[in-house]
Protein backbone atom coordinates (compact mmCIF):
# COMPACT_ATOMS: atom_id res chain seq x y z
CA MET A 1 6.62 -32.16 -17.73
CA LYS A 2 7.75 -32.31 -14.12
CA THR A 3 11.39 -31.77 -13.39
CA ALA A 4 13.35 -33.38 -10.57
CA HIS A 5 16.01 -31.46 -8.67
CA ARG A 6 19.36 -31.93 -10.36
CA ARG A 7 22.36 -32.13 -8.07
CA LYS A 8 25.94 -31.66 -9.26
CA THR A 9 28.03 -31.68 -6.14
CA ASN A 10 31.27 -31.05 -8.02
CA THR A 11 29.99 -27.95 -9.80
CA ARG A 12 31.62 -24.60 -8.94
CA PRO A 13 30.62 -21.04 -9.77
CA THR A 14 32.12 -20.24 -13.14
CA PHE A 15 32.39 -16.48 -12.63
CA ASP A 16 32.73 -13.93 -9.91
CA ALA A 17 29.54 -12.93 -8.10
CA ASP A 18 30.18 -9.31 -9.02
CA ALA A 19 30.84 -9.97 -12.70
CA ASP A 20 29.59 -7.26 -15.02
CA ILE A 21 26.75 -9.20 -16.66
CA PRO A 22 23.93 -6.95 -17.91
CA GLY A 23 20.85 -7.27 -15.76
CA LEU A 24 22.41 -9.55 -13.15
CA ALA A 25 22.86 -6.90 -10.46
CA ALA A 26 19.20 -5.85 -10.72
CA ARG A 27 17.96 -9.46 -10.43
CA LYS A 28 20.26 -10.13 -7.50
CA ALA A 29 18.91 -7.04 -5.79
CA ALA A 30 15.34 -8.13 -6.51
CA SER A 31 15.97 -11.57 -5.00
CA ARG A 32 17.67 -10.08 -1.95
CA LEU A 33 14.83 -7.63 -1.36
CA LEU A 34 12.19 -10.31 -1.90
CA ALA A 35 13.94 -12.31 0.82
CA ALA A 36 13.83 -9.29 3.11
CA VAL A 37 10.08 -8.94 2.57
CA ILE A 38 9.10 -12.62 2.81
CA ASP A 39 11.65 -13.92 5.32
CA ALA A 40 12.35 -10.85 7.45
CA LYS A 41 8.94 -9.12 7.09
CA THR A 42 10.52 -5.84 5.99
CA SER A 43 8.51 -3.08 4.30
CA LEU A 44 9.12 -2.82 0.56
CA ASP A 45 8.84 0.96 0.66
CA GLY A 46 11.68 1.13 3.18
CA LEU A 47 13.84 -1.25 1.17
CA THR A 48 13.35 0.73 -2.05
CA ASP A 49 13.68 4.22 -0.61
CA HIS A 50 16.03 6.14 -2.90
CA ASP A 51 17.89 7.80 -0.03
CA ASN A 52 17.78 5.30 2.81
CA GLY A 53 16.85 2.00 1.19
CA HIS A 54 18.76 -1.26 0.97
CA PRO A 55 22.39 -0.67 -0.17
CA GLN A 56 22.05 -3.21 -2.98
CA PHE A 57 19.08 -1.25 -4.31
CA ARG A 58 20.75 2.14 -3.96
CA ALA A 59 23.78 0.86 -5.88
CA LEU A 60 21.65 0.54 -9.02
CA ASP A 61 20.95 3.28 -11.54
CA MET A 62 17.43 4.70 -11.69
CA ARG A 63 16.37 2.52 -14.61
CA ASP A 64 17.35 -0.67 -12.80
CA ARG A 65 15.74 0.57 -9.60
CA ALA A 66 12.46 0.95 -11.47
CA LEU A 67 12.85 -2.57 -12.87
CA VAL A 68 13.53 -4.01 -9.42
CA ARG A 69 10.49 -2.26 -8.00
CA ALA A 70 8.31 -3.58 -10.85
CA ILE A 71 9.60 -7.13 -10.36
CA LEU A 72 9.00 -7.06 -6.63
CA THR A 73 5.50 -5.60 -6.68
CA THR A 74 4.54 -8.13 -9.36
CA ALA A 75 6.12 -11.08 -7.54
CA LEU A 76 4.27 -10.13 -4.35
CA ARG A 77 0.96 -9.27 -6.03
CA PHE A 78 0.83 -12.69 -7.73
CA ARG A 79 2.78 -14.73 -5.19
CA GLY A 80 0.22 -17.54 -4.93
CA THR A 81 -0.14 -17.87 -8.70
CA ILE A 82 3.61 -17.89 -9.27
CA GLN A 83 4.12 -20.48 -6.54
CA ALA A 84 1.46 -22.73 -8.05
CA LEU A 85 3.08 -22.60 -11.49
CA ILE A 86 6.53 -23.32 -10.07
CA SER A 87 5.26 -26.18 -7.89
CA ALA A 88 3.47 -27.79 -10.84
CA ARG A 89 6.81 -28.19 -12.58
CA LEU A 90 8.61 -29.89 -9.69
CA ASP A 91 8.30 -33.53 -8.76
CA ARG A 92 8.72 -32.63 -5.09
CA PRO A 93 8.74 -29.40 -3.09
CA LEU A 94 11.89 -27.36 -2.80
CA PRO A 95 13.98 -28.08 0.30
CA ALA A 96 12.57 -26.30 3.35
CA ASN A 97 15.71 -24.19 3.71
CA ALA A 98 16.00 -23.31 0.01
CA HIS A 99 14.83 -19.72 0.46
CA ALA A 100 17.42 -18.22 -1.90
CA LEU A 101 16.46 -20.68 -4.63
CA SER A 102 12.76 -19.93 -4.18
CA HIS A 103 13.35 -16.20 -4.48
CA ILE A 104 15.38 -16.60 -7.69
CA LEU A 105 12.55 -18.63 -9.22
CA HIS A 106 9.87 -16.14 -8.13
CA VAL A 107 11.81 -13.16 -9.48
CA ALA A 108 12.32 -14.83 -12.86
CA ALA A 109 8.76 -16.18 -13.09
CA ALA A 110 7.31 -12.74 -12.33
CA GLN A 111 9.15 -11.38 -15.37
CA ILE A 112 8.20 -14.27 -17.64
CA LEU A 113 4.53 -14.27 -16.70
CA PHE A 114 3.68 -10.60 -16.17
CA LEU A 115 6.39 -8.16 -17.27
CA ASP A 116 7.64 -6.94 -20.62
CA VAL A 117 10.98 -8.73 -20.32
CA PRO A 118 12.18 -11.22 -22.96
CA ASP A 119 11.63 -14.74 -21.65
CA SER A 120 15.09 -15.86 -22.68
CA ALA A 121 16.72 -13.00 -20.78
CA ALA A 122 14.74 -13.76 -17.63
CA VAL A 123 15.68 -17.45 -17.78
CA ASP A 124 19.35 -16.94 -18.65
CA ILE A 125 19.93 -14.36 -15.94
CA ALA A 126 18.20 -16.55 -13.35
CA VAL A 127 20.45 -19.50 -14.27
CA THR A 128 23.50 -17.24 -14.12
CA GLN A 129 22.40 -15.98 -10.73
CA ALA A 130 21.90 -19.51 -9.43
CA LYS A 131 25.39 -20.48 -10.57
CA SER A 132 26.90 -17.47 -8.85
CA ASP A 133 25.59 -18.38 -5.39
CA PRO A 134 27.09 -21.33 -3.43
CA ARG A 135 23.64 -21.96 -1.92
CA THR A 136 21.98 -22.49 -5.29
CA VAL A 137 24.71 -23.50 -7.71
CA ARG A 138 23.78 -27.21 -7.64
CA PHE A 139 20.20 -26.29 -8.63
CA ALA A 140 21.11 -24.24 -11.72
CA GLY A 141 19.96 -26.99 -14.08
CA MET A 142 16.66 -27.26 -12.31
CA VAL A 143 16.17 -23.47 -12.47
CA ASN A 144 16.73 -23.61 -16.21
CA ALA A 145 14.32 -26.53 -16.74
CA VAL A 146 11.52 -25.15 -14.56
CA LEU A 147 11.62 -21.65 -16.03
CA ARG A 148 11.79 -22.87 -19.62
CA GLU A 149 8.80 -25.11 -18.96
CA ILE A 150 6.88 -22.12 -17.52
CA THR A 151 7.83 -20.12 -20.61
CA ARG A 152 6.59 -22.81 -23.00
CA ARG A 153 3.25 -23.32 -21.28
CA LYS A 154 2.40 -19.88 -19.93
CA GLU A 155 -0.21 -18.98 -22.56
CA ARG A 156 -2.56 -21.69 -21.26
CA ALA A 157 -1.22 -22.31 -17.78
CA LEU A 158 -1.34 -18.73 -16.52
CA PRO A 159 -5.10 -18.10 -17.06
CA ALA A 160 -5.86 -21.45 -15.44
CA ALA A 161 -3.66 -20.69 -12.45
CA LEU A 162 -5.18 -17.25 -12.00
CA ALA A 163 -8.65 -18.80 -11.98
CA GLN A 164 -7.78 -21.57 -9.54
CA THR A 165 -5.38 -19.97 -7.06
CA SER A 166 -5.49 -17.17 -4.51
CA ASP A 167 -2.81 -14.55 -4.17
CA THR A 168 -3.96 -13.83 -0.63
CA PRO A 169 -2.28 -15.52 2.35
CA GLU A 170 -4.54 -17.77 4.41
CA TRP A 171 -4.47 -15.60 7.54
CA PHE A 172 -5.94 -12.64 5.69
CA GLU A 173 -8.29 -14.54 3.43
CA SER A 174 -10.12 -16.09 6.38
CA ARG A 175 -10.53 -12.69 8.06
CA LEU A 176 -11.68 -11.13 4.79
CA VAL A 177 -14.43 -13.72 4.30
CA ALA A 178 -15.51 -13.45 7.94
CA ALA A 179 -15.81 -9.65 7.66
CA TYR A 180 -17.33 -9.23 4.19
CA GLY A 181 -18.75 -12.56 3.06
CA GLU A 182 -17.39 -14.72 0.26
CA GLU A 183 -18.76 -12.65 -2.66
CA HIS A 184 -17.41 -9.30 -1.48
CA ALA A 185 -14.17 -10.92 -0.33
CA ALA A 186 -13.70 -12.42 -3.80
CA ALA A 187 -14.21 -8.98 -5.37
CA ILE A 188 -11.58 -7.51 -3.03
CA ARG A 189 -9.13 -10.29 -3.88
CA ALA A 190 -9.70 -9.63 -7.58
CA ALA A 191 -9.07 -5.90 -7.08
CA HIS A 192 -5.81 -6.67 -5.28
CA ARG A 193 -4.45 -8.16 -8.51
CA ILE A 194 -4.81 -4.82 -10.30
CA GLU A 195 -2.48 -1.91 -9.69
CA ALA A 196 -4.34 1.08 -8.29
CA PRO A 197 -4.86 4.21 -10.41
CA ILE A 198 -3.37 7.51 -9.31
CA ASP A 199 -5.77 9.90 -7.60
CA LEU A 200 -5.10 13.59 -7.13
CA THR A 201 -6.67 16.04 -4.72
CA VAL A 202 -6.87 19.38 -6.53
CA LYS A 203 -7.21 22.81 -4.99
CA SER A 204 -9.84 23.92 -7.52
CA GLU A 205 -11.40 23.25 -10.91
CA PRO A 206 -11.15 19.43 -11.00
CA ALA A 207 -12.71 19.26 -14.47
CA GLU A 208 -10.01 21.52 -15.90
CA TRP A 209 -7.23 19.51 -14.29
CA ALA A 210 -8.76 16.25 -15.48
CA GLU A 211 -8.70 17.59 -19.03
CA LYS A 212 -5.11 18.84 -18.72
CA LEU A 213 -3.86 15.59 -17.23
CA GLY A 214 -5.95 13.14 -19.23
CA GLY A 215 -7.93 11.94 -16.24
CA ILE A 216 -11.49 11.71 -14.99
CA VAL A 217 -13.28 13.51 -12.17
CA LEU A 218 -14.60 11.33 -9.36
CA LEU A 219 -17.73 12.15 -7.44
CA ASN A 220 -15.77 13.42 -4.43
CA GLY A 221 -13.84 15.88 -6.62
CA SER A 222 -10.64 13.86 -6.92
CA VAL A 223 -9.02 13.52 -10.33
CA ARG A 224 -8.14 9.96 -11.33
CA LEU A 225 -5.34 9.05 -13.74
CA THR A 226 -5.00 5.52 -15.06
CA SER A 227 -1.66 6.21 -16.75
CA ILE A 228 0.96 8.93 -16.87
CA ASP A 229 3.92 9.77 -19.08
CA GLY A 230 7.01 10.27 -16.97
CA PRO A 231 7.36 10.94 -13.26
CA ILE A 232 4.60 12.54 -11.21
CA ALA A 233 6.72 15.64 -10.62
CA SER A 234 6.84 16.33 -14.36
CA LEU A 235 3.07 16.71 -14.72
CA PRO A 236 1.48 20.15 -15.18
CA GLY A 237 0.54 21.80 -11.91
CA PHE A 238 2.93 19.86 -9.68
CA GLU A 239 5.58 22.53 -9.25
CA GLU A 240 2.89 25.18 -8.86
CA GLY A 241 1.32 23.21 -6.00
CA GLU A 242 -2.10 22.90 -7.63
CA TRP A 243 -2.63 19.28 -6.55
CA TRP A 244 -1.21 16.40 -4.57
CA VAL A 245 -1.38 12.63 -4.86
CA GLN A 246 -3.99 11.12 -2.54
CA ASP A 247 -6.29 8.15 -2.98
CA ALA A 248 -9.93 9.18 -3.18
CA ALA A 249 -10.73 7.16 -0.05
CA ALA A 250 -7.89 8.80 1.86
CA ALA A 251 -9.43 12.18 1.04
CA ILE A 252 -12.73 11.34 2.76
CA PRO A 253 -11.79 11.71 6.47
CA ALA A 254 -10.81 15.39 6.14
CA GLN A 255 -13.98 16.03 4.12
CA MET A 256 -16.08 14.76 7.03
CA PHE A 257 -15.44 17.97 8.99
CA GLY A 258 -17.15 20.25 6.50
CA ASP A 259 -16.32 23.96 6.69
CA LEU A 260 -13.30 24.60 8.91
CA SER A 261 -12.95 28.35 8.34
CA GLY A 262 -11.33 29.96 11.37
CA LYS A 263 -11.29 26.77 13.43
CA ARG A 264 -8.34 25.31 15.32
CA VAL A 265 -7.64 21.89 13.84
CA ALA A 266 -5.16 19.18 14.84
CA ASP A 267 -3.89 16.50 12.47
CA LEU A 268 -2.32 14.02 14.87
CA CYS A 269 -0.43 11.69 12.52
CA ALA A 270 0.28 14.21 9.84
CA ALA A 271 3.03 13.07 7.46
CA PRO A 272 3.25 12.93 4.51
CA GLY A 273 0.66 15.70 4.62
CA GLY A 274 -2.22 15.00 2.25
CA LYS A 275 -4.83 15.37 4.96
CA THR A 276 -2.99 18.30 6.55
CA ALA A 277 -3.15 20.04 3.18
CA GLN A 278 -6.88 19.35 2.91
CA LEU A 279 -7.54 20.76 6.37
CA ALA A 280 -5.49 23.88 5.68
CA HIS A 281 -7.09 24.37 2.27
CA ALA A 282 -10.53 24.09 3.96
CA GLY A 283 -9.69 27.14 6.04
CA GLY A 284 -8.51 25.57 9.28
CA HIS A 285 -5.71 26.86 11.46
CA VAL A 286 -3.88 23.55 11.45
CA THR A 287 -1.42 22.07 13.89
CA ALA A 288 0.26 19.04 12.34
CA LEU A 289 1.75 16.61 14.84
CA GLU A 290 4.34 14.11 13.61
CA LEU A 291 6.47 11.71 15.63
CA SER A 292 9.27 11.20 13.09
CA PRO A 293 11.65 14.12 12.39
CA ASN A 294 12.37 12.75 8.91
CA ARG A 295 8.68 12.44 8.08
CA ALA A 296 8.09 15.92 9.50
CA LYS A 297 10.75 17.20 7.11
CA ARG A 298 8.89 15.63 4.22
CA LEU A 299 5.62 17.13 5.50
CA ARG A 300 7.17 20.58 5.63
CA ALA A 301 8.48 20.25 2.06
CA ASN A 302 5.09 19.11 0.76
CA LEU A 303 3.25 22.00 2.40
CA SER A 304 5.80 24.42 1.02
CA ARG A 305 5.23 23.15 -2.53
CA LEU A 306 1.48 23.41 -2.05
CA GLN A 307 1.79 26.93 -0.60
CA LEU A 308 -0.27 25.93 2.41
CA GLU A 309 0.47 26.73 6.03
CA ALA A 310 0.36 24.64 9.20
CA GLU A 311 2.16 24.67 12.49
CA ILE A 312 4.32 21.54 12.51
CA VAL A 313 5.05 19.95 15.88
CA VAL A 314 7.51 17.06 16.10
CA GLY A 315 6.56 14.91 19.04
CA ASP A 316 4.70 11.95 20.50
CA LEU A 317 0.91 12.19 20.64
CA MET A 318 0.88 10.48 24.03
CA ASP A 319 2.97 13.34 25.46
CA TYR A 320 1.36 16.20 23.55
CA ALA A 321 -0.37 18.81 25.72
CA PRO A 322 -1.28 22.02 23.85
CA ASP A 323 -2.11 25.21 25.73
CA VAL A 324 -5.46 25.56 23.94
CA LEU A 325 -7.82 22.73 23.02
CA PHE A 326 -8.92 22.20 19.42
CA ASP A 327 -12.24 22.65 17.66
CA ALA A 328 -11.54 19.66 15.43
CA VAL A 329 -9.14 16.72 15.63
CA LEU A 330 -8.25 14.22 12.93
CA LEU A 331 -6.62 10.96 13.98
CA ASP A 332 -5.65 8.97 10.92
CA ALA A 333 -4.03 6.26 12.99
CA PRO A 334 -1.18 3.87 12.18
CA CYS A 335 -2.64 0.51 11.22
CA SER A 336 -2.00 -2.76 9.40
CA SER A 337 -2.52 -0.93 6.06
CA THR A 338 -4.43 -3.87 4.59
CA GLY A 339 -6.61 -1.43 2.69
CA THR A 340 -3.64 -0.39 0.53
CA VAL A 341 -2.67 -3.80 -0.89
CA ARG A 342 -3.25 -2.62 -4.48
CA ARG A 343 -0.40 -0.14 -3.98
CA HIS A 344 1.59 -2.09 -1.42
CA PRO A 345 1.30 -5.83 -2.09
CA ASP A 346 4.00 -6.55 0.49
CA VAL A 347 1.58 -5.69 3.30
CA LEU A 348 -0.12 -9.09 3.36
CA TRP A 349 3.25 -10.86 3.49
CA THR A 350 4.81 -8.70 6.19
CA LYS A 351 1.82 -8.52 8.54
CA GLY A 352 -0.23 -11.10 10.43
CA PRO A 353 -3.15 -11.39 12.88
CA GLN A 354 -0.87 -10.48 15.76
CA ASP A 355 -0.06 -7.17 14.07
CA VAL A 356 -3.75 -6.36 13.62
CA ALA A 357 -4.43 -6.97 17.31
CA LYS A 358 -1.37 -4.99 18.41
CA LEU A 359 -2.18 -2.03 16.20
CA ALA A 360 -5.83 -1.99 17.25
CA SER A 361 -4.65 -1.65 20.84
CA VAL A 362 -2.35 1.21 19.88
CA GLN A 363 -5.20 2.95 18.04
CA ALA A 364 -7.48 2.68 21.07
CA ARG A 365 -4.86 4.38 23.26
CA MET A 366 -4.32 7.09 20.66
CA LEU A 367 -8.06 7.71 20.42
CA ALA A 368 -8.29 8.15 24.18
CA GLN A 369 -5.48 10.69 24.02
CA ALA A 370 -7.05 12.49 21.05
CA VAL A 371 -10.20 13.13 23.09
CA LYS A 372 -8.13 15.04 25.64
CA LEU A 373 -7.09 17.51 22.94
CA LEU A 374 -10.66 18.33 21.91
CA LYS A 375 -12.70 21.08 23.50
CA PRO A 376 -16.33 20.40 24.53
CA GLY A 377 -18.50 20.53 21.43
CA GLY A 378 -15.51 19.75 19.23
CA VAL A 379 -15.50 17.16 16.46
CA LEU A 380 -13.20 14.13 16.25
CA VAL A 381 -12.68 12.04 13.13
CA PHE A 382 -10.96 8.70 13.50
CA SER A 383 -9.75 6.85 10.40
CA ASN A 384 -7.30 4.29 9.14
CA CYS A 385 -6.52 2.34 5.96
CA SER A 386 -7.23 -1.15 7.32
CA LEU A 387 -9.86 -3.52 5.96
CA ASP A 388 -10.04 -5.40 9.25
CA PRO A 389 -13.04 -4.64 11.51
CA GLU A 390 -10.83 -5.19 14.57
CA GLU A 391 -9.16 -1.91 13.64
CA GLY A 392 -12.39 -0.24 12.49
CA GLU A 393 -15.98 -1.13 13.32
CA ALA A 394 -15.20 -3.18 16.44
CA LEU A 395 -12.72 -0.65 17.78
CA TYR A 396 -15.15 2.23 17.25
CA SER A 397 -18.01 0.46 19.04
CA ALA A 398 -15.81 -0.46 21.99
CA PHE A 399 -14.45 3.07 22.20
CA LEU A 400 -17.91 4.65 22.33
CA ALA A 401 -19.02 2.17 24.98
CA SER A 402 -16.10 2.99 27.26
CA ASN A 403 -15.99 6.76 26.71
CA PRO A 404 -19.32 8.39 27.73
CA GLU A 405 -17.96 11.88 27.08
CA ILE A 406 -17.90 11.02 23.36
CA ALA A 407 -21.07 10.76 21.27
CA PRO A 408 -21.35 9.44 17.72
CA LEU A 409 -21.87 12.09 15.05
CA PRO A 410 -23.09 10.05 12.09
CA ILE A 411 -22.51 11.10 8.52
CA VAL A 412 -25.70 11.39 6.46
CA SER A 413 -25.77 11.04 2.71
CA ALA A 414 -26.92 14.64 2.22
CA GLU A 415 -23.62 15.88 3.67
CA LEU A 416 -21.38 13.79 1.44
CA PRO A 417 -23.54 12.42 -1.38
CA PHE A 418 -20.62 10.64 -3.03
CA ALA A 419 -20.06 8.65 0.17
CA ALA A 420 -23.61 7.26 0.33
CA PRO A 421 -22.60 3.81 -1.03
CA TYR A 422 -20.02 3.48 1.72
CA LEU A 423 -22.07 4.51 4.76
CA THR A 424 -22.44 1.91 7.50
CA GLU A 425 -25.57 1.48 9.57
CA HIS A 426 -23.93 3.62 12.27
CA GLY A 427 -23.11 6.52 9.96
CA ALA A 428 -19.42 5.71 9.62
CA ILE A 429 -17.70 5.17 6.27
CA ARG A 430 -16.25 1.90 5.04
CA THR A 431 -14.59 1.68 1.63
CA THR A 432 -12.94 -1.33 0.00
CA PRO A 433 -10.91 -1.89 -3.17
CA ALA A 434 -14.04 -3.46 -4.69
CA GLY A 435 -15.94 -0.16 -4.53
CA MET A 436 -16.38 2.71 -7.02
CA ASP A 437 -17.00 1.00 -10.35
CA MET A 438 -15.72 3.33 -13.07
CA GLY A 439 -16.36 1.02 -16.02
CA SER A 440 -13.06 -0.85 -16.12
CA PRO A 441 -10.98 -2.64 -13.48
CA GLU A 442 -8.02 -0.34 -14.08
CA ALA A 443 -10.08 2.81 -13.43
CA SER A 444 -12.12 1.45 -10.53
CA GLY A 445 -11.65 0.86 -6.84
CA LEU A 446 -10.67 2.68 -3.68
CA ASP A 447 -8.24 2.03 -0.90
CA GLY A 448 -9.84 0.27 2.02
CA PHE A 449 -10.65 2.89 4.67
CA TYR A 450 -12.68 3.14 7.83
CA ALA A 451 -13.69 6.58 9.13
CA ALA A 452 -16.01 7.56 11.96
CA ARG A 453 -17.02 11.00 13.24
CA MET A 454 -17.64 11.81 16.91
CA LEU A 455 -18.57 14.73 19.11
CA ARG A 456 -17.17 15.59 22.52
CA ARG A 457 -20.13 16.31 24.73
CA GLY A 458 -20.32 19.84 26.15
């Protein structure tokens, strides 16, 4: 049944916007933060930071914060599907300026369709929220009708919508198909609908830690957990610094150096410190460069927990001029982060083609500066967590062509046997969320990464 918009111009809010109605504050926060992501292109991680996030989020208790985060990641992960199901129950599109109304509907539908929230509670709170806002009060009846219709028909309508719709914005879908072909692109899109497992880099004995934590050992030595009881910090080995959270793909760039015993190593975009920790644990004398003082503080705390040492330098790479050049340099460069959509579904809705091009230009400048820090015969690894070739394969080829002092140093499968499926024809590494089949969708996949190794000619 399609439902027309119902206007009641003489209707007024029947309660104060700050009324103490259970669950209302969390849903209002979710709608406000969804607006910040979709309309203002703001990072979800920044909005939901417990110390510096959005004030409306920080005003909630920890339980409601977790609920808001779950609602938002779900609403963003399945945005196309949710929009299709809402649109199918309207006889005409929402008004072009009805952003607040759209966000209320998406927040409620995400709960009804995907989360363990009673349908009646999701509907009632959404109607209450609509009535409390002068921008949406006249649409409260429509909110009620649309959401109740979604509730009644979800058992059949949701599978059909998932099969027929894409949860990937058009700008990214076209680039994905162009880069990987329709079949691989479809597998990546499917992986984006599944929350990523938690991977740990362990200092030693991965099999023992997998047994203790109820996980599995991956071929690169990471330990993968598909579920945990309680917060990460409560797990065995965390306080003792025996492991740190790091996607298996993110662990590859540091592994491309091999033995670093006694070598001077620079990690040029170091925070939060997973790769710095790897380099230090591999025996390198590590200098960790970080632009942000706050992120450097987090890096220092992480290394302290892990009982690993590195010299931390707060500063801009473009101005950095060490007294002694390095044997090895890792540049894990800032990028569009489109390889991390499983963990950060906001990325595709806050970024666009212009961001990819801008960031690729930044990466090229950073690479040129990184070369200056490397002594002749030294090794440079460039990596990022983008799926877009403009930030990976194309950038690497252009960089080699314009920098004759740098030679490719291809990875061969004998060095990193686990990486063999991800080797490109040029000996670089390309992973995607559709890789690493572990027998079930929930246990499979990798972040999308590109990593290439180079040598500065002597």
